[in-house]
């Protein structure tokens, strides 16, 4: 991967890494990562998407700086990550593409952020791919429901007490603001995708092609969890795919050895976005708060 540009942020500039098709620019694709997963982790996946003809970028979601102790400003909840990270990253990748509207590829938390952004700004992208991204709602986990509820709410409580989530020490999610963990835990408790108390609980405004991929061996996002997230977007035109032949199964390892998943995504984009007219219906001018300067 190479640097495609950077985004100004309160903790310092966030670099957008990516890869370009060999011969000519392709449709722009932005990969939005999972909680605590750095952009470099997705290099094999991004390179394979570029090899499939897609201009592809990925941005690391900001974390609480290492060495910080005590309470940390709560400003990077879901809403702030959507507006100040995902939206400008779309702009960076879009300027390098072939002029067509982008497709977002959201992994886990990245899927939540991408879907929430598109529900409020329908013109931001032409399609959405969810990979290992589902609702953490406790009722989606069968016999594991009670432990999931306890664990997610305990994470929120720890974050409130410490002022941030020390996931680097606890083995999950990296160093997150208490607002991000609070939004995630609220979704686990209530089931709706919310980012702050003033946000709509569902994603009904989404009216675009969606490819939802569950991954073999993923205990964090089993198929019922993916289905629960899809039920929040009844207007979406959904295609389901089970990535069941992964040599590196699980919630994140697929990104290091994606096998045929990038090719499948490229095929889906050509069939459902390119050929069926999945271009944006909205006008950028209708969303002046969204940085889409293409």
Protein backbone atom coordinates (compact mmCIF):
# COMPACT_ATOMS: atom_id res chain seq x y z
CA UNK A 1 0.00 0.00 0.00
CA UNK A 2 0.97 3.63 -0.43
CA UNK A 3 -0.18 6.91 1.07
CA UNK A 4 -3.20 8.37 -0.73
CA UNK A 5 -3.57 11.45 1.47
CA UNK A 6 -4.27 12.51 5.02
CA UNK A 7 -7.12 13.80 7.16
CA UNK A 8 -6.70 16.50 9.82
CA UNK A 9 -7.78 15.25 13.24
CA UNK A 10 -7.53 16.39 16.86
CA UNK A 11 -4.96 13.70 17.67
CA UNK A 12 -2.93 14.45 14.54
CA UNK A 13 -3.27 13.78 10.83
CA UNK A 14 -4.78 10.41 9.94
CA UNK A 15 -3.20 8.82 6.88
CA UNK A 16 -5.30 7.18 4.20
CA UNK A 17 -3.39 4.23 2.76
CA UNK A 18 -4.35 2.37 -0.37
CA UNK A 19 -3.57 0.82 -3.71
CA UNK A 20 -4.43 1.80 -7.28
CA UNK A 21 -5.30 -0.47 -10.21
CA UNK A 22 -2.36 -1.14 -12.50
CA UNK A 23 -3.73 0.26 -15.74
CA UNK A 24 -6.29 2.97 -15.01
CA UNK A 25 -8.29 4.38 -12.10
CA UNK A 26 -11.27 2.26 -11.08
CA UNK A 27 -14.38 2.82 -9.04
CA UNK A 28 -13.26 4.17 -5.65
CA UNK A 29 -13.65 1.90 -2.62
CA UNK A 30 -13.05 2.87 1.00
CA UNK A 31 -12.39 0.19 3.61
CA UNK A 32 -13.54 1.28 7.08
CA UNK A 33 -11.79 -0.86 9.71
CA UNK A 34 -12.91 -2.73 12.77
CA UNK A 35 -12.44 -1.33 16.26
CA UNK A 36 -8.75 -1.17 17.13
CA UNK A 37 -7.51 -2.69 13.85
CA UNK A 38 -4.87 -0.52 12.10
CA UNK A 39 -5.10 0.22 8.41
CA UNK A 40 -1.88 -1.65 7.61
CA UNK A 41 -3.51 -4.90 8.70
CA UNK A 42 -5.74 -4.74 5.62
CA UNK A 43 -2.85 -4.52 3.11
CA UNK A 44 -3.44 -7.95 1.46
CA UNK A 45 -7.17 -7.24 1.17
CA UNK A 46 -6.65 -3.72 -0.21
CA UNK A 47 -4.02 -4.89 -2.70
CA UNK A 48 -6.36 -7.64 -3.93
CA UNK A 49 -9.23 -5.18 -4.40
CA UNK A 50 -6.91 -2.96 -6.46
CA UNK A 51 -5.90 -5.99 -8.52
CA UNK A 52 -9.63 -6.47 -9.18
CA UNK A 53 -9.69 -3.00 -10.77
CA UNK A 54 -10.88 -0.92 -7.81
CA UNK A 55 -9.18 2.24 -6.52
CA UNK A 56 -9.02 1.26 -2.86
CA UNK A 57 -8.18 3.13 0.33
CA UNK A 58 -8.33 2.39 4.04
CA UNK A 59 -8.13 4.74 7.02
CA UNK A 60 -7.26 3.85 10.60
CA UNK A 61 -9.93 4.88 13.06
CA UNK A 62 -8.32 7.13 15.73
CA UNK A 63 -7.63 5.74 19.19
CA UNK A 64 -6.78 7.28 22.54
CA UNK A 65 -3.03 8.03 22.34
CA UNK A 66 -0.68 5.59 24.04
CA UNK A 67 0.71 6.86 27.31
CA UNK A 68 -2.51 8.69 28.14
CA UNK A 69 -3.80 8.18 31.66
CA UNK A 70 -7.02 9.42 33.20
CA UNK A 71 -10.17 10.67 31.56
CA UNK A 72 -10.07 11.40 27.84
CA UNK A 73 -12.45 13.72 25.96
CA UNK A 74 -15.48 11.74 24.81
CA UNK A 75 -15.77 13.40 21.41
CA UNK A 76 -15.03 10.40 19.21
CA UNK A 77 -18.26 8.47 19.48
CA UNK A 78 -19.93 7.02 16.42
CA UNK A 79 -21.20 10.39 15.15
CA UNK A 80 -17.79 12.06 15.34
CA UNK A 81 -16.07 9.12 13.64
CA UNK A 82 -18.62 9.23 10.82
CA UNK A 83 -18.31 12.96 10.21
CA UNK A 84 -14.63 13.60 10.91
CA UNK A 85 -12.99 10.37 9.73
CA UNK A 86 -15.16 8.33 7.37
CA UNK A 87 -16.62 11.25 5.39
CA UNK A 88 -13.28 12.97 4.63
CA UNK A 89 -11.67 9.60 3.85
CA UNK A 90 -14.40 9.05 1.24
CA UNK A 91 -13.34 12.36 -0.27
CA UNK A 92 -9.66 11.39 -0.38
CA UNK A 93 -10.32 8.09 -2.15
CA UNK A 94 -12.98 9.56 -4.41
CA UNK A 95 -10.59 12.10 -5.92
CA UNK A 96 -8.32 9.26 -7.09
CA UNK A 97 -11.02 7.10 -8.65
CA UNK A 98 -12.55 7.10 -12.10
CA UNK A 99 -15.23 9.68 -11.30
CA UNK A 100 -17.91 7.21 -10.30
CA UNK A 101 -19.41 7.18 -6.85
CA UNK A 102 -17.60 5.21 -4.14
CA UNK A 103 -18.50 1.96 -2.47
CA UNK A 104 -17.87 1.58 1.26
CA UNK A 105 -16.54 -1.67 2.70
CA UNK A 106 -17.13 -1.75 6.45
CA UNK A 107 -15.57 -4.34 8.74
CA UNK A 108 -17.31 -4.82 12.11
CA UNK A 109 -17.48 -1.34 13.71
CA UNK A 110 -16.57 0.07 10.29
CA UNK A 111 -19.83 -1.38 8.97
CA UNK A 112 -21.79 0.35 11.74
CA UNK A 113 -20.17 3.70 10.93
CA UNK A 114 -20.62 3.30 7.18
CA UNK A 115 -24.28 2.31 7.46
CA UNK A 116 -25.07 5.10 9.90
CA UNK A 117 -23.36 7.69 7.69
CA UNK A 118 -25.23 6.51 4.60
CA UNK A 119 -28.57 6.51 6.43
CA UNK A 120 -28.14 10.23 7.09
CA UNK A 121 -26.32 11.11 3.85
CA UNK A 122 -27.73 8.79 1.17
CA UNK A 123 -25.65 10.47 -1.53
CA UNK A 124 -22.30 9.62 0.06
CA UNK A 125 -21.82 6.28 -1.73
CA UNK A 126 -23.32 4.02 -4.38
CA UNK A 127 -23.12 0.80 -2.42
CA UNK A 128 -22.17 -0.79 0.89
CA UNK A 129 -20.28 -4.00 1.65
CA UNK A 130 -20.46 -5.36 5.20
CA UNK A 131 -17.76 -7.90 6.06
CA UNK A 132 -17.97 -9.56 9.48
CA UNK A 133 -20.21 -6.70 10.53
CA UNK A 134 -23.39 -7.31 12.47
CA UNK A 135 -25.41 -6.09 15.40
CA UNK A 136 -23.84 -6.78 18.80
CA UNK A 137 -27.36 -6.97 20.24
CA UNK A 138 -27.28 -9.63 22.92
CA UNK A 139 -30.41 -11.37 21.63
CA UNK A 140 -28.53 -12.33 18.43
CA UNK A 141 -26.17 -14.72 20.22
CA UNK A 142 -28.35 -17.62 21.35
CA UNK A 143 -26.83 -19.40 24.35
CA UNK A 144 -24.10 -16.75 24.54
CA UNK A 145 -26.65 -13.94 24.92
CA UNK A 146 -26.22 -13.35 28.65
CA UNK A 147 -22.38 -13.29 28.56
CA UNK A 148 -22.45 -10.90 25.58
CA UNK A 149 -24.76 -8.53 27.42
CA UNK A 150 -22.62 -8.62 30.57
CA UNK A 151 -19.34 -8.18 28.70
CA UNK A 152 -20.49 -5.24 26.58
CA UNK A 153 -22.03 -3.39 29.52
CA UNK A 154 -18.96 -4.07 31.67
CA UNK A 155 -16.80 -2.54 28.93
CA UNK A 156 -18.97 0.59 29.01
CA UNK A 157 -18.70 0.76 32.80
CA UNK A 158 -14.91 0.37 32.75
CA UNK A 159 -14.67 3.09 30.11
CA UNK A 160 -16.73 5.48 32.21
CA UNK A 161 -14.63 4.85 35.31
CA UNK A 162 -11.24 5.13 33.57
CA UNK A 163 -12.30 7.76 31.05
CA UNK A 164 -11.36 5.55 28.07
CA UNK A 165 -11.31 1.87 27.09
CA UNK A 166 -7.85 0.25 27.67
CA UNK A 167 -8.36 -2.46 25.07
CA UNK A 168 -4.65 -2.75 24.38
CA UNK A 169 -4.26 -4.12 27.92
CA UNK A 170 -7.50 -6.10 28.01
CA UNK A 171 -7.09 -7.77 24.63
CA UNK A 172 -10.04 -6.32 22.72
CA UNK A 173 -10.71 -3.26 20.59
CA UNK A 174 -7.64 -1.12 21.13
CA UNK A 175 -7.71 2.16 23.06
CA UNK A 176 -11.15 3.70 22.51
CA UNK A 177 -12.89 6.79 23.82
CA UNK A 178 -15.63 6.18 26.34
CA UNK A 179 -18.15 7.64 23.84
CA UNK A 180 -17.31 5.02 21.20
CA UNK A 181 -17.64 2.19 23.72
CA UNK A 182 -20.86 3.71 25.09
CA UNK A 183 -22.43 3.80 21.61
CA UNK A 184 -21.34 0.21 20.90
CA UNK A 185 -22.60 -1.02 24.29
CA UNK A 186 -25.92 0.78 23.82
CA UNK A 187 -26.36 -1.02 20.50
CA UNK A 188 -25.61 -4.32 22.26
CA UNK A 189 -28.23 -3.53 24.88
CA UNK A 190 -31.03 -2.05 22.75
CA UNK A 191 -30.44 -3.43 19.27
CA UNK A 192 -30.76 -0.15 17.36
CA UNK A 193 -27.78 1.54 15.73
CA UNK A 194 -27.45 4.80 17.65
CA UNK A 195 -24.71 7.31 18.22
CA UNK A 196 -25.85 9.57 21.02
CA UNK A 197 -29.31 9.91 22.48
CA UNK A 198 -30.53 12.21 19.71
CA UNK A 199 -29.93 9.70 16.91
CA UNK A 200 -32.53 7.62 15.10
CA UNK A 201 -32.52 3.96 16.18
CA UNK A 202 -32.73 2.44 12.73
CA UNK A 203 -31.35 2.63 9.20
CA UNK A 204 -34.63 2.71 7.29
CA UNK A 205 -33.46 5.53 4.94
CA UNK A 206 -30.84 3.22 3.41
CA UNK A 207 -31.90 2.52 -0.19
CA UNK A 208 -28.88 1.15 -1.99
CA UNK A 209 -27.22 -2.17 -2.83
CA UNK A 210 -25.72 -3.96 0.19
CA UNK A 211 -23.48 -7.03 0.17
CA UNK A 212 -23.41 -8.66 3.62
CA UNK A 213 -20.63 -11.20 4.21
CA UNK A 214 -20.34 -13.44 7.25
CA UNK A 215 -17.07 -15.28 7.77
CA UNK A 216 -16.52 -18.88 8.78
CA UNK A 217 -15.42 -19.21 12.40
CA UNK A 218 -16.37 -15.65 13.40
CA UNK A 219 -17.63 -15.86 16.99
CA UNK A 220 -17.98 -12.08 17.29
CA UNK A 221 -20.30 -11.75 14.28
CA UNK A 222 -22.16 -15.01 13.60
CA UNK A 223 -24.83 -15.05 10.85
CA UNK A 224 -27.72 -14.15 13.24
CA UNK A 225 -25.80 -11.01 14.22
CA UNK A 226 -25.41 -10.03 10.55
CA UNK A 227 -29.13 -10.69 9.99
CA UNK A 228 -30.00 -8.48 12.96
CA UNK A 229 -28.06 -5.57 11.47
CA UNK A 230 -29.72 -6.09 8.09
CA UNK A 231 -33.17 -5.94 9.68
CA UNK A 232 -32.41 -2.32 10.57
CA UNK A 233 -32.20 -1.44 6.87
CA UNK A 234 -35.41 -2.75 5.27
CA UNK A 235 -35.02 -0.49 2.25
CA UNK A 236 -31.63 -1.89 1.22
CA UNK A 237 -31.22 -4.28 -1.71
CA UNK A 238 -29.32 -7.01 0.10
CA UNK A 239 -27.12 -9.80 -1.22
CA UNK A 240 -25.86 -12.33 1.36
CA UNK A 241 -22.60 -14.25 1.09
CA UNK A 242 -20.97 -16.73 3.46
CA UNK A 243 -17.17 -16.65 3.24
CA UNK A 244 -16.87 -20.27 4.21
CA UNK A 245 -13.69 -21.37 2.47
CA UNK A 246 -11.35 -19.13 4.41
CA UNK A 247 -7.96 -20.63 5.24
CA UNK A 248 -7.71 -17.90 7.88
CA UNK A 249 -11.19 -17.95 9.47
CA UNK A 250 -12.43 -15.67 12.20
CA UNK A 251 -13.40 -12.07 12.79
CA UNK A 252 -10.21 -10.38 11.52
CA UNK A 253 -7.80 -12.94 10.06
CA UNK A 254 -9.64 -13.04 6.72
CA UNK A 255 -8.14 -9.59 5.96
CA UNK A 256 -4.64 -11.08 5.97
CA UNK A 257 -5.60 -13.94 3.65
CA UNK A 258 -8.75 -12.84 1.84
CA UNK A 259 -8.61 -15.55 -0.86
CA UNK A 260 -11.43 -14.99 -3.38
CA UNK A 261 -13.38 -12.43 -1.33
CA UNK A 262 -11.99 -9.36 -3.19
CA UNK A 263 -12.91 -10.97 -6.51
CA UNK A 264 -16.43 -11.66 -5.24
CA UNK A 265 -16.77 -8.08 -4.08
CA UNK A 266 -15.62 -6.80 -7.47
CA UNK A 267 -18.10 -9.09 -9.24
CA UNK A 268 -20.91 -7.89 -6.98
CA UNK A 269 -20.04 -4.23 -7.59
CA UNK A 270 -20.15 -4.75 -11.35
CA UNK A 271 -23.47 -6.64 -11.19
CA UNK A 272 -25.37 -4.71 -8.51
CA UNK A 273 -23.84 -1.23 -8.57
CA UNK A 274 -22.50 -0.72 -12.09
CA UNK A 275 -25.05 -2.58 -14.21
CA UNK A 276 -28.14 -1.93 -12.09
CA UNK A 277 -27.57 1.77 -11.74
CA UNK A 278 -26.59 1.98 -8.08
CA UNK A 279 -25.30 5.53 -8.47
CA UNK A 280 -26.20 8.12 -5.90
CA UNK A 281 -29.66 9.57 -6.14
CA UNK A 282 -28.78 12.45 -3.87
CA UNK A 283 -26.97 15.68 -4.64
CA UNK A 284 -23.74 16.56 -2.81
CA UNK A 285 -25.08 20.08 -2.43
CA UNK A 286 -27.89 18.69 -0.30
CA UNK A 287 -25.31 17.60 2.29
CA UNK A 288 -23.15 20.69 2.92
CA UNK A 289 -21.86 19.23 6.21
CA UNK A 290 -20.41 16.20 4.45
CA UNK A 291 -16.94 16.72 2.98
CA UNK A 292 -17.35 15.22 -0.47
CA UNK A 293 -15.47 17.54 -2.74
CA UNK A 294 -15.30 15.46 -5.88
